Protein backbone atom coordinates (compact mmCIF):
# COMPACT_ATOMS: atom_id res chain seq x y z
CA MET A 1 33.20 195.27 111.92
CA GLU A 2 30.49 192.84 110.84
CA HIS A 3 29.60 190.35 113.57
CA ILE A 4 29.25 186.59 113.22
CA HIS A 5 26.11 185.22 114.87
CA TRP A 6 24.91 181.85 116.14
CA TYR A 7 21.54 180.77 117.39
CA PRO A 8 21.07 179.80 121.08
CA GLY A 9 18.54 177.08 120.25
CA HIS A 10 21.03 175.24 118.05
CA ILE A 11 23.69 175.51 120.76
CA ALA A 12 21.43 174.04 123.46
CA LYS A 13 20.38 171.15 121.20
CA ALA A 14 23.99 170.35 120.23
CA GLU A 15 25.15 170.47 123.85
CA LYS A 16 22.37 168.10 124.95
CA LYS A 17 23.22 165.56 122.26
CA LEU A 18 26.94 165.77 123.00
CA LYS A 19 26.39 165.18 126.74
CA GLU A 20 24.32 162.08 125.91
CA GLN A 21 27.14 160.76 123.74
CA VAL A 22 29.83 161.53 126.34
CA ASN A 23 27.87 159.53 128.95
CA ILE A 24 28.35 156.26 127.06
CA VAL A 25 32.11 156.43 126.38
CA ASP A 26 35.24 155.96 128.47
CA VAL A 27 37.62 158.24 126.53
CA VAL A 28 37.14 161.34 124.39
CA ILE A 29 39.35 162.36 121.45
CA GLU A 30 39.08 166.14 121.05
CA VAL A 31 40.05 167.39 117.59
CA LEU A 32 41.44 170.90 117.12
CA ASP A 33 42.50 172.64 113.90
CA ALA A 34 46.29 173.03 114.07
CA ARG A 35 46.07 176.32 112.15
CA ILE A 36 43.95 177.84 114.94
CA PRO A 37 44.54 175.55 117.95
CA GLU A 38 43.40 178.11 120.51
CA SER A 39 40.41 179.44 118.56
CA SER A 40 39.12 175.92 117.77
CA THR A 41 39.08 174.97 121.46
CA TYR A 42 35.66 175.15 123.08
CA PRO A 43 35.82 177.52 126.09
CA ASP A 44 33.77 175.20 128.38
CA ILE A 45 35.18 171.89 127.15
CA GLU A 46 35.96 170.53 130.65
CA LYS A 47 32.41 171.24 131.80
CA LEU A 48 31.00 169.65 128.66
CA LEU A 49 33.10 166.47 128.92
CA ARG A 50 33.12 166.37 132.72
CA ASP A 51 35.81 164.04 134.08
CA LYS A 52 36.28 161.91 130.95
CA PRO A 53 39.93 161.19 130.05
CA ARG A 54 40.79 163.19 126.93
CA LEU A 55 43.29 162.86 124.10
CA ILE A 56 43.73 166.08 122.12
CA LEU A 57 44.61 165.87 118.42
CA MET A 58 45.88 168.93 116.56
CA ASN A 59 44.54 167.92 113.16
CA LYS A 60 45.47 169.38 109.74
CA SER A 61 49.02 169.86 111.01
CA ASP A 62 50.17 169.36 107.40
CA LEU A 63 48.58 172.78 106.65
CA ALA A 64 50.01 174.54 109.73
CA ASN A 65 53.36 176.18 110.48
CA ASN A 66 55.63 173.45 111.90
CA GLU A 67 57.37 175.65 114.47
CA GLN A 68 54.05 176.97 115.78
CA THR A 69 52.63 173.44 115.97
CA GLN A 70 55.50 172.34 118.22
CA LYS A 71 54.96 175.33 120.49
CA TRP A 72 51.21 174.71 120.71
CA LEU A 73 51.68 171.00 121.49
CA LYS A 74 53.68 171.98 124.57
CA THR A 75 51.38 174.84 125.60
CA ILE A 76 48.15 172.82 125.30
CA LYS A 77 49.63 169.87 127.19
CA GLU A 78 50.71 172.15 130.04
CA LYS A 79 47.37 173.97 130.11
CA THR A 80 45.07 170.93 129.97
CA ASN A 81 47.23 168.21 131.51
CA CYS A 82 46.04 166.00 128.63
CA PRO A 83 48.18 164.14 126.08
CA VAL A 84 48.37 166.10 122.80
CA LEU A 85 49.41 164.82 119.36
CA ALA A 86 49.80 166.56 116.01
CA THR A 87 48.06 164.63 113.26
CA SER A 88 46.85 164.77 109.70
CA ALA A 89 43.97 162.80 108.22
CA SER A 90 46.09 162.10 105.13
CA ASP A 91 48.87 160.32 107.06
CA ASN A 92 48.38 157.04 108.97
CA LYS A 93 51.85 156.84 110.52
CA ASP A 94 50.60 158.00 113.92
CA LEU A 95 47.63 155.60 114.04
CA SER A 96 49.18 153.17 116.54
CA LYS A 97 50.31 156.08 118.73
CA ILE A 98 46.73 157.41 118.89
CA LEU A 99 45.24 153.98 119.67
CA ASN A 100 47.86 153.17 122.30
CA LYS A 101 47.12 156.47 124.04
CA VAL A 102 43.36 155.77 123.94
CA ILE A 103 43.90 152.31 125.48
CA GLU A 104 46.14 153.80 128.17
CA LEU A 105 43.58 156.50 129.04
CA GLY A 106 40.75 153.93 129.18
CA GLN A 107 42.52 151.37 131.36
CA PRO A 108 41.40 152.79 134.75
CA LYS A 109 37.75 152.37 133.66
CA ILE A 110 38.30 148.77 132.53
CA ILE A 111 40.18 147.92 135.74
CA ALA A 112 37.31 149.41 137.78
CA LEU A 113 34.81 147.19 135.90
CA VAL A 114 36.90 144.06 136.56
CA LYS A 115 37.10 144.95 140.27
CA LYS A 116 33.30 144.96 140.31
CA GLY A 117 33.35 141.39 139.02
CA LEU A 118 32.57 142.26 135.39
CA LEU A 119 34.47 140.91 132.39
CA PRO A 120 37.02 143.25 130.79
CA ARG A 121 35.81 144.90 127.57
CA ALA A 122 37.13 147.18 124.85
CA VAL A 123 37.65 150.85 125.69
CA ARG A 124 34.79 152.93 124.26
CA VAL A 125 35.93 156.14 122.60
CA MET A 126 34.34 159.00 120.67
CA VAL A 127 35.67 161.89 118.58
CA VAL A 128 34.51 165.43 119.35
CA GLY A 129 35.33 168.89 118.05
CA MET A 130 34.10 172.09 116.44
CA PRO A 131 32.51 171.79 112.97
CA ASN A 132 34.92 171.04 110.12
CA VAL A 133 38.07 170.44 112.16
CA GLY A 134 38.30 167.01 110.54
CA LYS A 135 36.40 164.76 112.98
CA SER A 136 34.97 162.50 110.27
CA SER A 137 38.39 162.22 108.62
CA ILE A 138 39.90 161.15 111.94
CA ILE A 139 37.10 158.58 112.40
CA ASN A 140 37.73 157.22 108.87
CA LYS A 141 41.44 157.10 109.59
CA LEU A 142 40.87 155.15 112.81
CA ILE A 143 38.51 152.62 111.24
CA LYS A 144 40.51 152.57 107.98
CA LYS A 145 37.14 152.96 106.21
CA THR A 146 36.20 149.36 106.97
CA LYS A 147 32.92 150.28 108.67
CA ALA A 148 32.92 146.93 110.52
CA LYS A 149 30.15 147.87 112.92
CA THR A 150 29.75 146.00 116.19
CA GLY A 151 26.21 147.30 116.63
CA ALA A 152 24.40 148.44 119.77
CA LYS A 153 25.78 147.70 123.24
CA ALA A 154 24.04 146.73 126.45
CA GLY A 155 22.87 149.84 128.27
CA VAL A 156 23.67 152.01 125.27
CA THR A 157 21.14 153.89 123.12
CA ARG A 158 20.16 151.74 120.15
CA ASP A 159 20.89 154.32 117.47
CA GLN A 160 24.54 154.56 118.51
CA GLN A 161 26.72 152.58 116.09
CA TRP A 162 30.09 151.23 117.13
CA VAL A 163 33.11 150.12 115.15
CA ARG A 164 35.59 147.58 116.51
CA ILE A 165 38.98 149.21 115.83
CA ASN A 166 40.91 146.37 117.42
CA PRO A 167 40.17 143.94 120.29
CA LYS A 168 40.84 146.74 122.78
CA VAL A 169 39.01 149.72 121.25
CA ASP A 170 35.41 150.36 120.16
CA LEU A 171 34.75 153.67 118.40
CA LEU A 172 31.43 155.51 118.34
CA ASP A 173 31.19 156.20 114.61
CA THR A 174 29.20 159.44 115.00
CA PRO A 175 31.29 162.54 115.64
CA GLY A 176 30.34 164.72 118.60
CA ILE A 177 29.74 168.25 117.36
CA ILE A 178 30.92 170.82 119.87
CA PRO A 179 28.47 173.72 119.50
CA LEU A 180 29.70 177.09 118.32
CA LYS A 181 29.26 179.36 121.28
CA GLN A 182 31.74 182.12 120.70
CA GLU A 183 31.56 185.53 122.33
CA ASP A 184 35.08 186.38 121.16
CA GLN A 185 34.67 187.78 117.63
CA GLN A 186 38.40 187.49 116.85
CA LYS A 187 38.18 183.73 117.44
CA ALA A 188 34.89 183.62 115.54
CA TYR A 189 36.55 185.11 112.47
CA LYS A 190 39.36 182.56 112.66
CA LEU A 191 36.77 179.78 112.76
CA ALA A 192 35.26 181.33 109.63
CA PHE A 193 38.71 181.40 107.96
CA VAL A 194 39.04 177.61 108.32
CA ASP A 195 35.41 177.01 107.23
CA SER A 196 34.23 175.94 110.68
CA ILE A 197 31.19 178.20 110.34
CA GLY A 198 28.53 178.03 107.66
CA GLU A 199 28.74 180.93 105.21
CA ASN A 200 25.17 182.00 106.00
CA ALA A 201 26.50 183.26 109.37
CA TYR A 202 28.86 185.84 107.88
CA ASP A 203 29.69 188.09 104.95
CA VAL A 204 32.41 186.39 102.90
CA GLU A 205 33.97 189.65 101.73
CA ALA A 206 34.20 191.06 105.27
CA VAL A 207 35.78 187.81 106.49
CA ALA A 208 38.28 187.73 103.61
CA GLU A 209 39.36 191.33 104.30
CA ILE A 210 39.94 190.48 107.98
CA PHE A 211 41.79 187.34 106.89
CA ILE A 212 44.13 189.44 104.72
CA LYS A 213 44.74 191.80 107.66
CA ASN A 214 45.50 188.87 110.00
CA VAL A 215 47.90 187.22 107.56
CA ASN A 216 49.69 190.50 106.83
CA GLU A 217 50.36 190.97 110.55
CA ILE A 218 51.88 187.50 110.95
CA TYR A 219 53.36 186.85 107.49
CA PRO A 220 54.18 190.26 105.92
CA ASP A 221 54.18 190.33 102.09
CA LEU A 222 52.89 186.74 101.78
CA ILE A 223 49.53 187.80 100.29
CA LYS A 224 51.18 190.49 98.15
CA ASN A 225 53.72 188.06 96.70
CA TYR A 226 51.28 185.18 96.20
CA TYR A 227 48.80 187.30 94.25
CA LYS A 228 51.58 189.18 92.43
CA LEU A 229 50.57 192.63 93.56
CA GLU A 230 53.08 195.40 92.92
CA ASP A 231 52.50 198.89 94.32
CA GLU A 232 48.78 198.36 94.85
CA GLU A 233 47.27 198.22 98.30
CA VAL A 234 46.74 194.63 99.43
CA ASN A 235 42.96 194.20 99.38
CA ILE A 236 40.29 192.05 97.72
CA ALA A 237 39.48 194.54 94.96
CA ASN A 238 43.09 194.82 93.81
CA ILE A 239 43.62 191.06 93.96
CA ALA A 240 40.46 190.59 91.84
CA LEU A 241 41.69 193.10 89.26
CA ARG A 242 45.13 191.44 89.17
CA ARG A 243 43.40 188.09 88.52
CA ASN A 244 41.14 189.69 85.94
CA TRP A 245 38.00 188.78 87.88
CA ILE A 246 35.72 191.50 86.56
CA VAL A 247 31.96 192.01 86.66
CA GLN A 248 29.81 194.17 84.39
CA GLY A 249 31.03 197.74 84.21
CA GLY A 250 34.68 196.78 84.66
CA ARG A 251 34.37 196.53 88.46
CA ALA A 252 36.31 193.99 90.52
CA ASP A 253 34.40 190.78 91.28
CA THR A 254 35.12 191.03 95.00
CA LYS A 255 32.76 188.23 96.08
CA ARG A 256 34.37 185.68 93.80
CA CYS A 257 37.81 186.90 94.83
CA ALA A 258 37.00 186.73 98.57
CA GLN A 259 35.85 183.11 98.22
CA ASN A 260 38.98 182.20 96.28
CA ILE A 261 41.31 183.80 98.83
CA LEU A 262 39.71 181.80 101.65
CA ASN A 263 39.85 178.61 99.56
CA ASP A 264 43.54 179.22 98.80
CA PHE A 265 44.18 179.31 102.55
CA ARG A 266 41.94 176.34 103.41
CA THR A 267 43.59 174.09 100.84
CA GLY A 268 47.15 175.10 101.78
CA ARG A 269 47.93 176.90 98.54
CA LEU A 270 49.06 179.98 100.48
CA GLY A 271 51.54 177.83 102.42
CA LYS A 272 51.68 176.31 105.91
CA LEU A 273 50.11 179.01 108.05
CA THR A 274 49.13 179.16 111.71
CA LEU A 275 46.88 182.10 112.61
CA ASP A 276 46.87 181.63 116.40
CA VAL A 277 50.37 182.83 117.22
CA ASN A 278 52.17 181.24 120.18
CA GLU A 279 54.94 183.72 121.08
């Protein structure tokens, strides 16, 4: 099995920047991908965020299996002791619920400041998560794309930009990138499935074949039916031939097919699928 690799230098740099960002906020919103809620969780998240209050959002829930999402909401809440909400960047109905939870989590910090004789201020919050779980979409959803920046704050690094969400919440408008440090190759492949890893880190055909295997185990016949295979074995080459994706010499265009299969999953064309199964 082909391995997916990351570079230690990039990880160290990303961790350093994230720790600097965490230092200047009161509350952290951690974004997971609802299709792989376990695999898109950073193994050392508590150590990275220290004792900061955390709200966990299972984003892209519109692309995930509803029953699995409900199970994962309960499991993650029990495991982390943090509030957990299912969300989608395309739907603003839960916006007030998210903001109310952020205000609630930030209140102890504001009360502590007042006790010290300081004036109350807005709760400072930031959004963190693995690459491509939808952090920027969540930020845009929270600020409703107004980009009404409040500028630098006293005691806060000048290049940090803040957005006043409402009188009680200031949002750091730069997403915190949780570095990809993943020894578990099964989880690494799932991160590749959802496009959380740059394609230069893996072979697209190898990843697509493993994706097909994973889906077949959880949703038997889904791939076969979607790509209208009959008695053929379910693999990239046969899907390419069925789609008439051919290269010179009449061979299957497996690279093009592999990319299309992954895109069909990422955009929801294959249906609402969750690849981390909660029994």
